[in-house]
């Protein structure tokens, strides 16, 4: 988004050990592993979904 390279593999490994661990738990089928891998595919779209709080106090998604 900012034109700076990211270490996607490092981020994937960190996520697998933290909040993404639920996707690798066979006892938690509501979070299929395939969803994790779809969510970390890079350079798939030419836009970003940015979430920010509006003046109404609600969160709004804006395509940038």
PDB file of N, CA and C in Angstrom:
ATOM      1  N   UNK A   1       0.818  -1.179   0.000  1.00  0.00           N
ATOM      2  CA  UNK A   1       0.000   0.000   0.000  1.00  0.00           C
ATOM      3  C   UNK A   1       0.871   1.256   0.000  1.00  0.00           C
ATOM      4  N   UNK A   2       1.942   1.227   0.732  1.00  0.00           N
ATOM      5  CA  UNK A   2       2.819   2.394   0.801  1.00  0.00           C
ATOM      6  C   UNK A   2       4.034   2.242  -0.098  1.00  0.00           C
ATOM      7  N   UNK A   3       4.087   1.176  -0.865  1.00  0.00           N
ATOM      8  CA  UNK A   3       5.211   0.963  -1.757  1.00  0.00           C
ATOM      9  C   UNK A   3       6.447   0.411  -1.088  1.00  0.00           C
ATOM     10  N   UNK A   4       6.325   0.014   0.166  1.00  0.00           N
ATOM     11  CA  UNK A   4       7.468  -0.552   0.868  1.00  0.00           C
ATOM     12  C   UNK A   4       7.313  -2.068   0.935  1.00  0.00           C
ATOM     13  N   UNK A   5       8.395  -2.793   0.732  1.00  0.00           N
ATOM     14  CA  UNK A   5       8.295  -4.254   0.770  1.00  0.00           C
ATOM     15  C   UNK A   5       8.006  -4.759   2.190  1.00  0.00           C
ATOM     16  N   UNK A   6       7.287  -5.859   2.256  1.00  0.00           N
ATOM     17  CA  UNK A   6       7.016  -6.484   3.546  1.00  0.00           C
ATOM     18  C   UNK A   6       7.512  -7.920   3.513  1.00  0.00           C
ATOM     19  N   UNK A   7       7.840  -8.422   4.659  1.00  0.00           N
ATOM     20  CA  UNK A   7       8.261  -9.818   4.776  1.00  0.00           C
ATOM     21  C   UNK A   7       7.006 -10.634   5.062  1.00  0.00           C
ATOM     22  N   UNK A   8       6.302 -11.006   4.002  1.00  0.00           N
ATOM     23  CA  UNK A   8       5.032 -11.707   4.147  1.00  0.00           C
ATOM     24  C   UNK A   8       5.211 -13.043   4.855  1.00  0.00           C
ATOM     25  N   UNK A   9       6.279 -13.762   4.550  1.00  0.00           N
ATOM     26  CA  UNK A   9       6.496 -15.063   5.180  1.00  0.00           C
ATOM     27  C   UNK A   9       6.654 -14.923   6.688  1.00  0.00           C
ATOM     28  N   UNK A  10       7.375 -13.902   7.119  1.00  0.00           N
ATOM     29  CA  UNK A  10       7.550 -13.669   8.555  1.00  0.00           C
ATOM     30  C   UNK A  10       6.200 -13.372   9.209  1.00  0.00           C
ATOM     31  N   UNK A  11       5.391 -12.544   8.555  1.00  0.00           N
ATOM     32  CA  UNK A  11       4.071 -12.220   9.083  1.00  0.00           C
ATOM     33  C   UNK A  11       3.171 -13.438   9.163  1.00  0.00           C
ATOM     34  N   UNK A  12       3.255 -14.303   8.165  1.00  0.00           N
ATOM     35  CA  UNK A  12       2.459 -15.537   8.159  1.00  0.00           C
ATOM     36  C   UNK A  12       2.853 -16.413   9.335  1.00  0.00           C
ATOM     37  N   UNK A  13       4.140 -16.590   9.542  1.00  0.00           N
ATOM     38  CA  UNK A  13       4.607 -17.438  10.641  1.00  0.00           C
ATOM     39  C   UNK A  13       4.186 -16.879  11.998  1.00  0.00           C
ATOM     40  N   UNK A  14       4.265 -15.560  12.149  1.00  0.00           N
ATOM     41  CA  UNK A  14       3.843 -14.945  13.406  1.00  0.00           C
ATOM     42  C   UNK A  14       2.344 -15.134  13.622  1.00  0.00           C
ATOM     43  N   UNK A  15       1.580 -14.954  12.574  1.00  0.00           N
ATOM     44  CA  UNK A  15       0.121 -15.085  12.672  1.00  0.00           C
ATOM     45  C   UNK A  15      -0.285 -16.528  12.987  1.00  0.00           C
ATOM     46  N   UNK A  16       0.424 -17.487  12.420  1.00  0.00           N
ATOM     47  CA  UNK A  16       0.111 -18.898  12.687  1.00  0.00           C
ATOM     48  C   UNK A  16       0.306 -19.248  14.156  1.00  0.00           C
ATOM     49  N   UNK A  17       1.172 -18.507  14.839  1.00  0.00           N
ATOM     50  CA  UNK A  17       1.453 -18.780  16.250  1.00  0.00           C
ATOM     51  C   UNK A  17       0.584 -17.956  17.195  1.00  0.00           C
ATOM     52  N   UNK A  18      -0.158 -16.995  16.663  1.00  0.00           N
ATOM     53  CA  UNK A  18      -0.966 -16.114  17.517  1.00  0.00           C
ATOM     54  C   UNK A  18      -2.438 -16.247  17.117  1.00  0.00           C
ATOM     55  N   UNK A  19      -3.026 -15.174  16.649  1.00  0.00           N
ATOM     56  CA  UNK A  19      -4.472 -15.173  16.363  1.00  0.00           C
ATOM     57  C   UNK A  19      -4.878 -16.116  15.235  1.00  0.00           C
ATOM     58  N   UNK A  20      -3.942 -16.474  14.354  1.00  0.00           N
ATOM     59  CA  UNK A  20      -4.258 -17.382  13.257  1.00  0.00           C
ATOM     60  C   UNK A  20      -4.187 -18.851  13.623  1.00  0.00           C
ATOM     61  N   UNK A  21      -3.756 -19.150  14.832  1.00  0.00           N
ATOM     62  CA  UNK A  21      -3.600 -20.556  15.246  1.00  0.00           C
ATOM     63  C   UNK A  21      -4.910 -21.327  15.171  1.00  0.00           C
ATOM     64  N   UNK A  22      -6.027 -20.648  15.346  1.00  0.00           N
ATOM     65  CA  UNK A  22      -7.335 -21.324  15.316  1.00  0.00           C
ATOM     66  C   UNK A  22      -7.604 -21.991  13.968  1.00  0.00           C
ATOM     67  N   UNK A  23      -6.959 -21.514  12.906  1.00  0.00           N
ATOM     68  CA  UNK A  23      -7.160 -22.109  11.580  1.00  0.00           C
ATOM     69  C   UNK A  23      -6.438 -23.445  11.421  1.00  0.00           C
ATOM     70  N   UNK A  24      -5.578 -23.763  12.352  1.00  0.00           N
ATOM     71  CA  UNK A  24      -4.808 -25.006  12.284  1.00  0.00           C
ATOM     72  C   UNK A  24      -5.204 -25.980  13.381  1.00  0.00           C
ATOM     73  N   UNK A  25      -6.306 -25.699  14.052  1.00  0.00           N
ATOM     74  CA  UNK A  25      -6.817 -26.554  15.117  1.00  0.00           C
ATOM     75  C   UNK A  25      -7.902 -27.461  14.542  1.00  0.00           C
ATOM     76  N   UNK A  26      -7.630 -28.760  14.384  1.00  0.00           N
ATOM     77  CA  UNK A  26      -8.633 -29.663  13.803  1.00  0.00           C
ATOM     78  C   UNK A  26      -9.898 -29.791  14.646  1.00  0.00           C
ATOM     79  N   UNK A  27      -9.831 -29.374  15.901  1.00  0.00           N
ATOM     80  CA  UNK A  27     -11.013 -29.416  16.768  1.00  0.00           C
ATOM     81  C   UNK A  27     -11.863 -28.149  16.656  1.00  0.00           C
ATOM     82  N   UNK A  28     -11.489 -27.267  15.754  1.00  0.00           N
ATOM     83  CA  UNK A  28     -12.199 -25.996  15.566  1.00  0.00           C
ATOM     84  C   UNK A  28     -12.572 -25.840  14.088  1.00  0.00           C
ATOM     85  N   UNK A  29     -13.495 -26.663  13.580  1.00  0.00           N
ATOM     86  CA  UNK A  29     -13.790 -26.687  12.139  1.00  0.00           C
ATOM     87  C   UNK A  29     -14.466 -25.426  11.606  1.00  0.00           C
ATOM     88  N   UNK A  30     -14.920 -24.542  12.474  1.00  0.00           N
ATOM     89  CA  UNK A  30     -15.547 -23.311  11.999  1.00  0.00           C
ATOM     90  C   UNK A  30     -14.515 -22.393  11.322  1.00  0.00           C
ATOM     91  N   UNK A  31     -13.229 -22.630  11.590  1.00  0.00           N
ATOM     92  CA  UNK A  31     -12.143 -21.866  10.973  1.00  0.00           C
ATOM     93  C   UNK A  31     -11.302 -22.807  10.103  1.00  0.00           C
ATOM     94  N   UNK A  32     -11.713 -23.049   8.851  1.00  0.00           N
ATOM     95  CA  UNK A  32     -10.942 -23.973   8.002  1.00  0.00           C
ATOM     96  C   UNK A  32      -9.572 -23.401   7.635  1.00  0.00           C
ATOM     97  N   UNK A  33      -8.589 -24.270   7.590  1.00  0.00           N
ATOM     98  CA  UNK A  33      -7.221 -23.851   7.266  1.00  0.00           C
ATOM     99  C   UNK A  33      -7.166 -23.129   5.926  1.00  0.00           C
ATOM    100  N   UNK A  34      -7.965 -23.554   4.979  1.00  0.00           N
ATOM    101  CA  UNK A  34      -7.961 -22.924   3.650  1.00  0.00           C
ATOM    102  C   UNK A  34      -8.247 -21.411   3.742  1.00  0.00           C
ATOM    103  N   UNK A  35      -9.104 -21.006   4.673  1.00  0.00           N
ATOM    104  CA  UNK A  35      -9.412 -19.582   4.831  1.00  0.00           C
ATOM    105  C   UNK A  35      -8.176 -18.784   5.231  1.00  0.00           C
ATOM    106  N   UNK A  36      -7.327 -19.387   6.055  1.00  0.00           N
ATOM    107  CA  UNK A  36      -6.094 -18.700   6.450  1.00  0.00           C
ATOM    108  C   UNK A  36      -5.239 -18.425   5.221  1.00  0.00           C
ATOM    109  N   UNK A  37      -5.040 -19.442   4.398  1.00  0.00           N
ATOM    110  CA  UNK A  37      -4.165 -19.290   3.240  1.00  0.00           C
ATOM    111  C   UNK A  37      -4.748 -18.318   2.225  1.00  0.00           C
ATOM    112  N   UNK A  38      -6.065 -18.275   2.092  1.00  0.00           N
ATOM    113  CA  UNK A  38      -6.683 -17.289   1.199  1.00  0.00           C
ATOM    114  C   UNK A  38      -6.473 -15.876   1.726  1.00  0.00           C
ATOM    115  N   UNK A  39      -6.488 -15.722   3.033  1.00  0.00           N
ATOM    116  CA  UNK A  39      -6.370 -14.379   3.615  1.00  0.00           C
ATOM    117  C   UNK A  39      -4.960 -13.796   3.528  1.00  0.00           C
ATOM    118  N   UNK A  40      -3.951 -14.616   3.309  1.00  0.00           N
ATOM    119  CA  UNK A  40      -2.579 -14.100   3.285  1.00  0.00           C
ATOM    120  C   UNK A  40      -1.983 -14.043   1.879  1.00  0.00           C
ATOM    121  N   UNK A  41      -2.798 -14.275   0.866  1.00  0.00           N
ATOM    122  CA  UNK A  41      -2.298 -14.135  -0.500  1.00  0.00           C
ATOM    123  C   UNK A  41      -2.016 -12.660  -0.767  1.00  0.00           C
ATOM    124  N   UNK A  42      -0.806 -12.351  -1.189  1.00  0.00           N
ATOM    125  CA  UNK A  42      -0.431 -10.964  -1.435  1.00  0.00           C
ATOM    126  C   UNK A  42      -0.611 -10.552  -2.880  1.00  0.00           C
ATOM    127  N   UNK A  43      -0.723  -9.261  -3.092  1.00  0.00           N
ATOM    128  CA  UNK A  43      -0.822  -8.666  -4.427  1.00  0.00           C
ATOM    129  C   UNK A  43      -1.953  -9.250  -5.270  1.00  0.00           C
ATOM    130  N   UNK A  44      -3.058  -9.523  -4.631  1.00  0.00           N
ATOM    131  CA  UNK A  44      -4.200 -10.102  -5.340  1.00  0.00           C
ATOM    132  C   UNK A  44      -5.110  -9.007  -5.898  1.00  0.00           C
ATOM    133  N   UNK A  45      -5.182  -7.893  -5.202  1.00  0.00           N
ATOM    134  CA  UNK A  45      -6.060  -6.803  -5.599  1.00  0.00           C
ATOM    135  C   UNK A  45      -5.270  -5.500  -5.673  1.00  0.00           C
ATOM    136  N   UNK A  46      -5.778  -4.544  -6.439  1.00  0.00           N
ATOM    137  CA  UNK A  46      -5.084  -3.266  -6.582  1.00  0.00           C
ATOM    138  C   UNK A  46      -5.701  -2.185  -5.688  1.00  0.00           C
ATOM    139  N   UNK A  47      -6.322  -2.611  -4.602  1.00  0.00           N
ATOM    140  CA  UNK A  47      -6.908  -1.671  -3.657  1.00  0.00           C
ATOM    141  C   UNK A  47      -6.804  -2.230  -2.255  1.00  0.00           C
ATOM    142  N   UNK A  48      -7.079  -1.370  -1.276  1.00  0.00           N
ATOM    143  CA  UNK A  48      -7.028  -1.738   0.138  1.00  0.00           C
ATOM    144  C   UNK A  48      -8.369  -1.395   0.753  1.00  0.00           C
ATOM    145  N   UNK A  49      -8.858  -2.239   1.649  1.00  0.00           N
ATOM    146  CA  UNK A  49     -10.040  -1.919   2.425  1.00  0.00           C
ATOM    147  C   UNK A  49      -9.566  -1.319   3.741  1.00  0.00           C
ATOM    148  N   UNK A  50      -9.839  -0.050   3.908  1.00  0.00           N
ATOM    149  CA  UNK A  50      -9.398   0.696   5.085  1.00  0.00           C
ATOM    150  C   UNK A  50     -10.601   0.855   6.015  1.00  0.00           C
ATOM    151  N   UNK A  51     -10.423   0.568   7.282  1.00  0.00           N
ATOM    152  CA  UNK A  51     -11.505   0.705   8.258  1.00  0.00           C
ATOM    153  C   UNK A  51     -11.181   1.871   9.173  1.00  0.00           C
ATOM    154  N   UNK A  52     -12.172   2.757   9.318  1.00  0.00           N
ATOM    155  CA  UNK A  52     -11.981   3.880  10.221  1.00  0.00           C
ATOM    156  C   UNK A  52     -13.291   4.215  10.923  1.00  0.00           C
ATOM    157  N   UNK A  53     -13.161   4.844  12.068  1.00  0.00           N
ATOM    158  CA  UNK A  53     -14.335   5.210  12.840  1.00  0.00           C
ATOM    159  C   UNK A  53     -14.924   6.504  12.288  1.00  0.00           C
ATOM    160  N   UNK A  54     -16.233   6.471  12.035  1.00  0.00           N
ATOM    161  CA  UNK A  54     -16.920   7.646  11.534  1.00  0.00           C
ATOM    162  C   UNK A  54     -17.369   8.551  12.671  1.00  0.00           C
ATOM    163  N   UNK A  55     -17.876   9.716  12.308  1.00  0.00           N
ATOM    164  CA  UNK A  55     -18.352  10.666  13.316  1.00  0.00           C
ATOM    165  C   UNK A  55     -19.556  10.128  14.084  1.00  0.00           C
ATOM    166  N   UNK A  56     -20.187   9.094  13.520  1.00  0.00           N
ATOM    167  CA  UNK A  56     -21.327   8.458  14.196  1.00  0.00           C
ATOM    168  C   UNK A  56     -20.895   7.410  15.207  1.00  0.00           C
ATOM    169  N   UNK A  57     -19.579   7.214  15.336  1.00  0.00           N
ATOM    170  CA  UNK A  57     -19.056   6.237  16.279  1.00  0.00           C
ATOM    171  C   UNK A  57     -19.013   4.817  15.744  1.00  0.00           C
ATOM    172  N   UNK A  58     -19.488   4.612  14.524  1.00  0.00           N
ATOM    173  CA  UNK A  58     -19.468   3.286  13.898  1.00  0.00           C
ATOM    174  C   UNK A  58     -18.222   3.130  13.036  1.00  0.00           C
ATOM    175  N   UNK A  59     -17.837   1.897  12.818  1.00  0.00           N
ATOM    176  CA  UNK A  59     -16.693   1.603  11.967  1.00  0.00           C
ATOM    177  C   UNK A  59     -17.168   1.519  10.525  1.00  0.00           C
ATOM    178  N   UNK A  60     -16.455   2.169   9.619  1.00  0.00           N
ATOM    179  CA  UNK A  60     -16.819   2.205   8.206  1.00  0.00           C
ATOM    180  C   UNK A  60     -15.655   1.664   7.380  1.00  0.00           C
ATOM    181  N   UNK A  61     -15.985   0.869   6.366  1.00  0.00           N
ATOM    182  CA  UNK A  61     -14.987   0.312   5.462  1.00  0.00           C
ATOM    183  C   UNK A  61     -14.950   1.168   4.201  1.00  0.00           C
ATOM    184  N   UNK A  62     -13.749   1.590   3.835  1.00  0.00           N
ATOM    185  CA  UNK A  62     -13.570   2.454   2.672  1.00  0.00           C
ATOM    186  C   UNK A  62     -12.560   1.799   1.732  1.00  0.00           C
ATOM    187  N   UNK A  63     -12.946   1.691   0.476  1.00  0.00           N
ATOM    188  CA  UNK A  63     -12.017   1.131  -0.527  1.00  0.00           C
ATOM    189  C   UNK A  63     -11.085   2.230  -0.992  1.00  0.00           C
ATOM    190  N   UNK A  64      -9.778   1.977  -0.841  1.00  0.00           N
ATOM    191  CA  UNK A  64      -8.774   2.973  -1.253  1.00  0.00           C
ATOM    192  C   UNK A  64      -7.853   2.393  -2.288  1.00  0.00           C
TER     193      UNK A  64
END
